[in-house]
Amino acid sequence: MPVVAPKHRQLAMATIRVTQIRSSIRTHKRQKQTMEALGLRRINHTVEHDDTPVIRGMIAKVQHLVTVEEGK
């Protein structure tokens, strides 16, 4: 049987900080929904997410509205 590390001992994922820099007014509905899914509500609002392909794909769709910084 394979040995599996307990959940509390798994390595932490890298994180990224996403900051909204432009308004989502006058953008397509799908882009507004993406901003909402990322947790961004207003200009200069910053949220931290795990660095996953799903989050990177969401950021790519609204890259003109946000900035991305590597987290800790």
PDB file of N, CA and C in Angstrom:
ATOM      1  N   MET A   1       0.840  -1.184   0.000  1.00  0.00           N
ATOM      2  CA  MET A   1       0.000   0.000   0.000  1.00  0.00           C
ATOM      3  C   MET A   1       0.885   1.246   0.000  1.00  0.00           C
ATOM      4  N   PRO A   2       0.480   2.281  -0.749  1.00  0.00           N
ATOM      5  CA  PRO A   2       1.280   3.511  -0.784  1.00  0.00           C
ATOM      6  C   PRO A   2       1.171   4.277   0.530  1.00  0.00           C
ATOM      7  N   VAL A   3       2.242   4.935   0.869  1.00  0.00           N
ATOM      8  CA  VAL A   3       2.264   5.744   2.084  1.00  0.00           C
ATOM      9  C   VAL A   3       1.806   7.150   1.730  1.00  0.00           C
ATOM     10  N   VAL A   4       0.806   7.633   2.453  1.00  0.00           N
ATOM     11  CA  VAL A   4       0.257   8.961   2.195  1.00  0.00           C
ATOM     12  C   VAL A   4       0.496   9.831   3.421  1.00  0.00           C
ATOM     13  N   ALA A   5       1.010  11.027   3.190  1.00  0.00           N
ATOM     14  CA  ALA A   5       1.250  11.949   4.303  1.00  0.00           C
ATOM     15  C   ALA A   5      -0.082  12.445   4.854  1.00  0.00           C
ATOM     16  N   PRO A   6      -0.169  12.644   6.154  1.00  0.00           N
ATOM     17  CA  PRO A   6      -1.391  13.209   6.715  1.00  0.00           C
ATOM     18  C   PRO A   6      -1.664  14.585   6.122  1.00  0.00           C
ATOM     19  N   LYS A   7      -2.939  14.968   6.097  1.00  0.00           N
ATOM     20  CA  LYS A   7      -3.322  16.231   5.470  1.00  0.00           C
ATOM     21  C   LYS A   7      -2.648  17.435   6.111  1.00  0.00           C
ATOM     22  N   HIS A   8      -2.438  17.400   7.403  1.00  0.00           N
ATOM     23  CA  HIS A   8      -1.825  18.546   8.075  1.00  0.00           C
ATOM     24  C   HIS A   8      -0.335  18.664   7.768  1.00  0.00           C
ATOM     25  N   ARG A   9       0.252  17.664   7.133  1.00  0.00           N
ATOM     26  CA  ARG A   9       1.675  17.696   6.810  1.00  0.00           C
ATOM     27  C   ARG A   9       1.944  17.966   5.339  1.00  0.00           C
ATOM     28  N   GLN A  10       0.894  18.121   4.537  1.00  0.00           N
ATOM     29  CA  GLN A  10       1.111  18.386   3.124  1.00  0.00           C
ATOM     30  C   GLN A  10       1.701  19.774   2.945  1.00  0.00           C
ATOM     31  N   LEU A  11       2.461  19.933   1.874  1.00  0.00           N
ATOM     32  CA  LEU A  11       3.110  21.210   1.612  1.00  0.00           C
ATOM     33  C   LEU A  11       2.092  22.273   1.253  1.00  0.00           C
ATOM     34  N   ALA A  12       2.355  23.478   1.696  1.00  0.00           N
ATOM     35  CA  ALA A  12       1.470  24.596   1.375  1.00  0.00           C
ATOM     36  C   ALA A  12       1.698  25.018  -0.066  1.00  0.00           C
ATOM     37  N   MET A  13       0.617  25.391  -0.745  1.00  0.00           N
ATOM     38  CA  MET A  13       0.717  25.846  -2.133  1.00  0.00           C
ATOM     39  C   MET A  13       1.237  27.283  -2.161  1.00  0.00           C
ATOM     40  N   ALA A  14       1.830  27.639  -3.272  1.00  0.00           N
ATOM     41  CA  ALA A  14       2.232  29.028  -3.467  1.00  0.00           C
ATOM     42  C   ALA A  14       0.969  29.873  -3.592  1.00  0.00           C
ATOM     43  N   THR A  15       1.067  31.109  -3.203  1.00  0.00           N
ATOM     44  CA  THR A  15      -0.094  31.989  -3.298  1.00  0.00           C
ATOM     45  C   THR A  15       0.231  33.188  -4.182  1.00  0.00           C
ATOM     46  N   ILE A  16      -0.826  33.805  -4.688  1.00  0.00           N
ATOM     47  CA  ILE A  16      -0.689  35.026  -5.473  1.00  0.00           C
ATOM     48  C   ILE A  16      -1.654  36.056  -4.925  1.00  0.00           C
ATOM     49  N   ARG A  17      -1.261  37.312  -5.037  1.00  0.00           N
ATOM     50  CA  ARG A  17      -2.117  38.417  -4.602  1.00  0.00           C
ATOM     51  C   ARG A  17      -2.658  39.107  -5.843  1.00  0.00           C
ATOM     52  N   VAL A  18      -3.964  39.248  -5.907  1.00  0.00           N
ATOM     53  CA  VAL A  18      -4.629  39.858  -7.054  1.00  0.00           C
ATOM     54  C   VAL A  18      -5.267  41.160  -6.580  1.00  0.00           C
ATOM     55  N   THR A  19      -4.974  42.249  -7.284  1.00  0.00           N
ATOM     56  CA  THR A  19      -5.498  43.566  -6.927  1.00  0.00           C
ATOM     57  C   THR A  19      -6.275  44.137  -8.107  1.00  0.00           C
ATOM     58  N   GLN A  20      -7.474  44.613  -7.835  1.00  0.00           N
ATOM     59  CA  GLN A  20      -8.268  45.251  -8.884  1.00  0.00           C
ATOM     60  C   GLN A  20      -7.753  46.670  -9.083  1.00  0.00           C
ATOM     61  N   ILE A  21      -7.406  47.022 -10.336  1.00  0.00           N
ATOM     62  CA  ILE A  21      -6.875  48.356 -10.611  1.00  0.00           C
ATOM     63  C   ILE A  21      -7.794  49.187 -11.492  1.00  0.00           C
ATOM     64  N   ARG A  22      -8.768  48.541 -12.138  1.00  0.00           N
ATOM     65  CA  ARG A  22      -9.712  49.275 -12.982  1.00  0.00           C
ATOM     66  C   ARG A  22     -11.117  48.817 -12.655  1.00  0.00           C
ATOM     67  N   SER A  23     -12.079  49.668 -12.954  1.00  0.00           N
ATOM     68  CA  SER A  23     -13.470  49.363 -12.677  1.00  0.00           C
ATOM     69  C   SER A  23     -14.004  48.301 -13.629  1.00  0.00           C
ATOM     70  N   SER A  24     -14.965  47.535 -13.154  1.00  0.00           N
ATOM     71  CA  SER A  24     -15.598  46.534 -14.008  1.00  0.00           C
ATOM     72  C   SER A  24     -16.871  47.068 -14.661  1.00  0.00           C
ATOM     73  N   ILE A  25     -17.132  48.359 -14.478  1.00  0.00           N
ATOM     74  CA  ILE A  25     -18.259  48.995 -15.176  1.00  0.00           C
ATOM     75  C   ILE A  25     -17.933  49.026 -16.668  1.00  0.00           C
ATOM     76  N   ARG A  26     -18.913  48.817 -17.480  1.00  0.00           N
ATOM     77  CA  ARG A  26     -18.777  48.790 -18.940  1.00  0.00           C
ATOM     78  C   ARG A  26     -17.878  47.651 -19.421  1.00  0.00           C
ATOM     79  N   THR A  27     -17.916  46.538 -18.706  1.00  0.00           N
ATOM     80  CA  THR A  27     -17.242  45.327 -19.168  1.00  0.00           C
ATOM     81  C   THR A  27     -18.322  44.281 -19.435  1.00  0.00           C
ATOM     82  N   HIS A  28     -17.946  43.219 -20.100  1.00  0.00           N
ATOM     83  CA  HIS A  28     -18.897  42.163 -20.400  1.00  0.00           C
ATOM     84  C   HIS A  28     -19.350  41.464 -19.119  1.00  0.00           C
ATOM     85  N   LYS A  29     -20.546  40.911 -19.172  1.00  0.00           N
ATOM     86  CA  LYS A  29     -21.127  40.245 -18.011  1.00  0.00           C
ATOM     87  C   LYS A  29     -20.214  39.127 -17.493  1.00  0.00           C
ATOM     88  N   ARG A  30     -19.613  38.358 -18.401  1.00  0.00           N
ATOM     89  CA  ARG A  30     -18.738  37.257 -17.999  1.00  0.00           C
ATOM     90  C   ARG A  30     -17.522  37.775 -17.231  1.00  0.00           C
ATOM     91  N   GLN A  31     -17.006  38.949 -17.624  1.00  0.00           N
ATOM     92  CA  GLN A  31     -15.859  39.515 -16.915  1.00  0.00           C
ATOM     93  C   GLN A  31     -16.272  39.971 -15.525  1.00  0.00           C
ATOM     94  N   LYS A  32     -17.464  40.544 -15.394  1.00  0.00           N
ATOM     95  CA  LYS A  32     -17.959  40.936 -14.067  1.00  0.00           C
ATOM     96  C   LYS A  32     -18.115  39.714 -13.181  1.00  0.00           C
ATOM     97  N   GLN A  33     -18.621  38.619 -13.746  1.00  0.00           N
ATOM     98  CA  GLN A  33     -18.782  37.392 -12.975  1.00  0.00           C
ATOM     99  C   GLN A  33     -17.431  36.821 -12.553  1.00  0.00           C
ATOM    100  N   THR A  34     -16.439  36.941 -13.413  1.00  0.00           N
ATOM    101  CA  THR A  34     -15.093  36.473 -13.075  1.00  0.00           C
ATOM    102  C   THR A  34     -14.507  37.298 -11.942  1.00  0.00           C
ATOM    103  N   MET A  35     -14.687  38.609 -11.994  1.00  0.00           N
ATOM    104  CA  MET A  35     -14.197  39.474 -10.914  1.00  0.00           C
ATOM    105  C   MET A  35     -14.869  39.106  -9.591  1.00  0.00           C
ATOM    106  N   GLU A  36     -16.152  38.836  -9.655  1.00  0.00           N
ATOM    107  CA  GLU A  36     -16.889  38.447  -8.455  1.00  0.00           C
ATOM    108  C   GLU A  36     -16.385  37.098  -7.928  1.00  0.00           C
ATOM    109  N   ALA A  37     -16.120  36.170  -8.841  1.00  0.00           N
ATOM    110  CA  ALA A  37     -15.622  34.852  -8.441  1.00  0.00           C
ATOM    111  C   ALA A  37     -14.233  34.948  -7.811  1.00  0.00           C
ATOM    112  N   LEU A  38     -13.438  35.904  -8.256  1.00  0.00           N
ATOM    113  CA  LEU A  38     -12.119  36.123  -7.660  1.00  0.00           C
ATOM    114  C   LEU A  38     -12.224  36.815  -6.303  1.00  0.00           C
ATOM    115  N   GLY A  39     -13.384  37.359  -5.990  1.00  0.00           N
ATOM    116  CA  GLY A  39     -13.584  38.029  -4.705  1.00  0.00           C
ATOM    117  C   GLY A  39     -13.245  39.501  -4.731  1.00  0.00           C
ATOM    118  N   LEU A  40     -13.117  40.071  -5.929  1.00  0.00           N
ATOM    119  CA  LEU A  40     -12.765  41.488  -6.059  1.00  0.00           C
ATOM    120  C   LEU A  40     -14.033  42.321  -6.165  1.00  0.00           C
ATOM    121  N   ARG A  41     -14.133  43.353  -5.323  1.00  0.00           N
ATOM    122  CA  ARG A  41     -15.355  44.139  -5.251  1.00  0.00           C
ATOM    123  C   ARG A  41     -15.177  45.605  -5.632  1.00  0.00           C
ATOM    124  N   ARG A  42     -13.985  46.133  -5.438  1.00  0.00           N
ATOM    125  CA  ARG A  42     -13.780  47.565  -5.692  1.00  0.00           C
ATOM    126  C   ARG A  42     -12.325  47.805  -6.091  1.00  0.00           C
ATOM    127  N   ILE A  43     -12.051  48.974  -6.614  1.00  0.00           N
ATOM    128  CA  ILE A  43     -10.703  49.330  -7.033  1.00  0.00           C
ATOM    129  C   ILE A  43      -9.784  49.346  -5.811  1.00  0.00           C
ATOM    130  N   ASN A  44      -8.581  48.857  -5.984  1.00  0.00           N
ATOM    131  CA  ASN A  44      -7.557  48.718  -4.944  1.00  0.00           C
ATOM    132  C   ASN A  44      -7.884  47.642  -3.910  1.00  0.00           C
ATOM    133  N   HIS A  45      -8.865  46.803  -4.185  1.00  0.00           N
ATOM    134  CA  HIS A  45      -9.181  45.679  -3.315  1.00  0.00           C
ATOM    135  C   HIS A  45      -8.229  44.544  -3.663  1.00  0.00           C
ATOM    136  N   THR A  46      -7.596  43.946  -2.667  1.00  0.00           N
ATOM    137  CA  THR A  46      -6.625  42.875  -2.879  1.00  0.00           C
ATOM    138  C   THR A  46      -7.097  41.609  -2.199  1.00  0.00           C
ATOM    139  N   VAL A  47      -6.978  40.492  -2.917  1.00  0.00           N
ATOM    140  CA  VAL A  47      -7.307  39.185  -2.353  1.00  0.00           C
ATOM    141  C   VAL A  47      -6.135  38.248  -2.614  1.00  0.00           C
ATOM    142  N   GLU A  48      -6.047  37.208  -1.811  1.00  0.00           N
ATOM    143  CA  GLU A  48      -4.965  36.236  -1.950  1.00  0.00           C
ATOM    144  C   GLU A  48      -5.572  34.881  -2.289  1.00  0.00           C
ATOM    145  N   HIS A  49      -5.030  34.235  -3.322  1.00  0.00           N
ATOM    146  CA  HIS A  49      -5.515  32.932  -3.779  1.00  0.00           C
ATOM    147  C   HIS A  49      -4.343  31.970  -3.914  1.00  0.00           C
ATOM    148  N   ASP A  50      -4.653  30.676  -3.860  1.00  0.00           N
ATOM    149  CA  ASP A  50      -3.647  29.668  -4.187  1.00  0.00           C
ATOM    150  C   ASP A  50      -3.316  29.799  -5.662  1.00  0.00           C
ATOM    151  N   ASP A  51      -2.078  29.556  -6.002  1.00  0.00           N
ATOM    152  CA  ASP A  51      -1.634  29.667  -7.393  1.00  0.00           C
ATOM    153  C   ASP A  51      -1.961  28.364  -8.122  1.00  0.00           C
ATOM    154  N   THR A  52      -3.163  28.302  -8.704  1.00  0.00           N
ATOM    155  CA  THR A  52      -3.612  27.119  -9.433  1.00  0.00           C
ATOM    156  C   THR A  52      -3.913  27.496 -10.877  1.00  0.00           C
ATOM    157  N   PRO A  53      -3.960  26.529 -11.767  1.00  0.00           N
ATOM    158  CA  PRO A  53      -4.300  26.830 -13.159  1.00  0.00           C
ATOM    159  C   PRO A  53      -5.687  27.450 -13.316  1.00  0.00           C
ATOM    160  N   VAL A  54      -6.611  27.079 -12.454  1.00  0.00           N
ATOM    161  CA  VAL A  54      -7.962  27.639 -12.523  1.00  0.00           C
ATOM    162  C   VAL A  54      -7.930  29.141 -12.242  1.00  0.00           C
ATOM    163  N   ILE A  55      -7.253  29.530 -11.177  1.00  0.00           N
ATOM    164  CA  ILE A  55      -7.155  30.947 -10.820  1.00  0.00           C
ATOM    165  C   ILE A  55      -6.379  31.704 -11.883  1.00  0.00           C
ATOM    166  N   ARG A  56      -5.291  31.122 -12.395  1.00  0.00           N
ATOM    167  CA  ARG A  56      -4.511  31.779 -13.452  1.00  0.00           C
ATOM    168  C   ARG A  56      -5.365  32.004 -14.700  1.00  0.00           C
ATOM    169  N   GLY A  57      -6.242  31.058 -15.030  1.00  0.00           N
ATOM    170  CA  GLY A  57      -7.126  31.212 -16.179  1.00  0.00           C
ATOM    171  C   GLY A  57      -8.127  32.329 -15.971  1.00  0.00           C
ATOM    172  N   MET A  58      -8.656  32.458 -14.754  1.00  0.00           N
ATOM    173  CA  MET A  58      -9.586  33.536 -14.441  1.00  0.00           C
ATOM    174  C   MET A  58      -8.886  34.884 -14.555  1.00  0.00           C
ATOM    175  N   ILE A  59      -7.669  34.952 -14.057  1.00  0.00           N
ATOM    176  CA  ILE A  59      -6.899  36.194 -14.129  1.00  0.00           C
ATOM    177  C   ILE A  59      -6.627  36.569 -15.579  1.00  0.00           C
ATOM    178  N   ALA A  60      -6.349  35.588 -16.419  1.00  0.00           N
ATOM    179  CA  ALA A  60      -6.069  35.856 -17.833  1.00  0.00           C
ATOM    180  C   ALA A  60      -7.264  36.501 -18.528  1.00  0.00           C
ATOM    181  N   LYS A  61      -8.475  36.162 -18.104  1.00  0.00           N
ATOM    182  CA  LYS A  61      -9.681  36.724 -18.715  1.00  0.00           C
ATOM    183  C   LYS A  61      -9.923  38.176 -18.317  1.00  0.00           C
ATOM    184  N   VAL A  62      -9.370  38.601 -17.188  1.00  0.00           N
ATOM    185  CA  VAL A  62      -9.581  39.978 -16.729  1.00  0.00           C
ATOM    186  C   VAL A  62      -8.245  40.678 -16.480  1.00  0.00           C
ATOM    187  N   GLN A  63      -7.233  40.301 -17.234  1.00  0.00           N
ATOM    188  CA  GLN A  63      -5.885  40.821 -16.994  1.00  0.00           C
ATOM    189  C   GLN A  63      -5.792  42.328 -17.164  1.00  0.00           C
ATOM    190  N   HIS A  64      -6.711  42.931 -17.920  1.00  0.00           N
ATOM    191  CA  HIS A  64      -6.697  44.381 -18.115  1.00  0.00           C
ATOM    192  C   HIS A  64      -7.312  45.125 -16.929  1.00  0.00           C
ATOM    193  N   LEU A  65      -7.889  44.383 -15.979  1.00  0.00           N
ATOM    194  CA  LEU A  65      -8.537  44.997 -14.817  1.00  0.00           C
ATOM    195  C   LEU A  65      -7.779  44.769 -13.512  1.00  0.00           C
ATOM    196  N   VAL A  66      -6.787  43.883 -13.528  1.00  0.00           N
ATOM    197  CA  VAL A  66      -6.105  43.491 -12.289  1.00  0.00           C
ATOM    198  C   VAL A  66      -4.586  43.499 -12.445  1.00  0.00           C
ATOM    199  N   THR A  67      -3.905  43.491 -11.302  1.00  0.00           N
ATOM    200  CA  THR A  67      -2.469  43.226 -11.268  1.00  0.00           C
ATOM    201  C   THR A  67      -2.249  42.001 -10.383  1.00  0.00           C
ATOM    202  N   VAL A  68      -1.143  41.296 -10.637  1.00  0.00           N
ATOM    203  CA  VAL A  68      -0.852  40.060  -9.910  1.00  0.00           C
ATOM    204  C   VAL A  68       0.540  40.137  -9.323  1.00  0.00           C
ATOM    205  N   GLU A  69       0.665  39.762  -8.044  1.00  0.00           N
ATOM    206  CA  GLU A  69       1.959  39.725  -7.371  1.00  0.00           C
ATOM    207  C   GLU A  69       2.132  38.320  -6.812  1.00  0.00           C
ATOM    208  N   GLU A  70       3.356  37.847  -6.816  1.00  0.00           N
ATOM    209  CA  GLU A  70       3.633  36.541  -6.206  1.00  0.00           C
ATOM    210  C   GLU A  70       3.523  36.695  -4.699  1.00  0.00           C
ATOM    211  N   GLY A  71       2.821  35.761  -4.082  1.00  0.00           N
ATOM    212  CA  GLY A  71       2.648  35.789  -2.628  1.00  0.00           C
ATOM    213  C   GLY A  71       3.779  35.087  -1.928  1.00  0.00           C
ATOM    214  N   LYS A  72       3.565  34.780  -0.673  1.00  0.00           N
ATOM    215  CA  LYS A  72       4.596  34.151   0.139  1.00  0.00           C
ATOM    216  C   LYS A  72       4.439  32.659   0.137  1.00  0.00           C
TER     217      LYS A  72
END
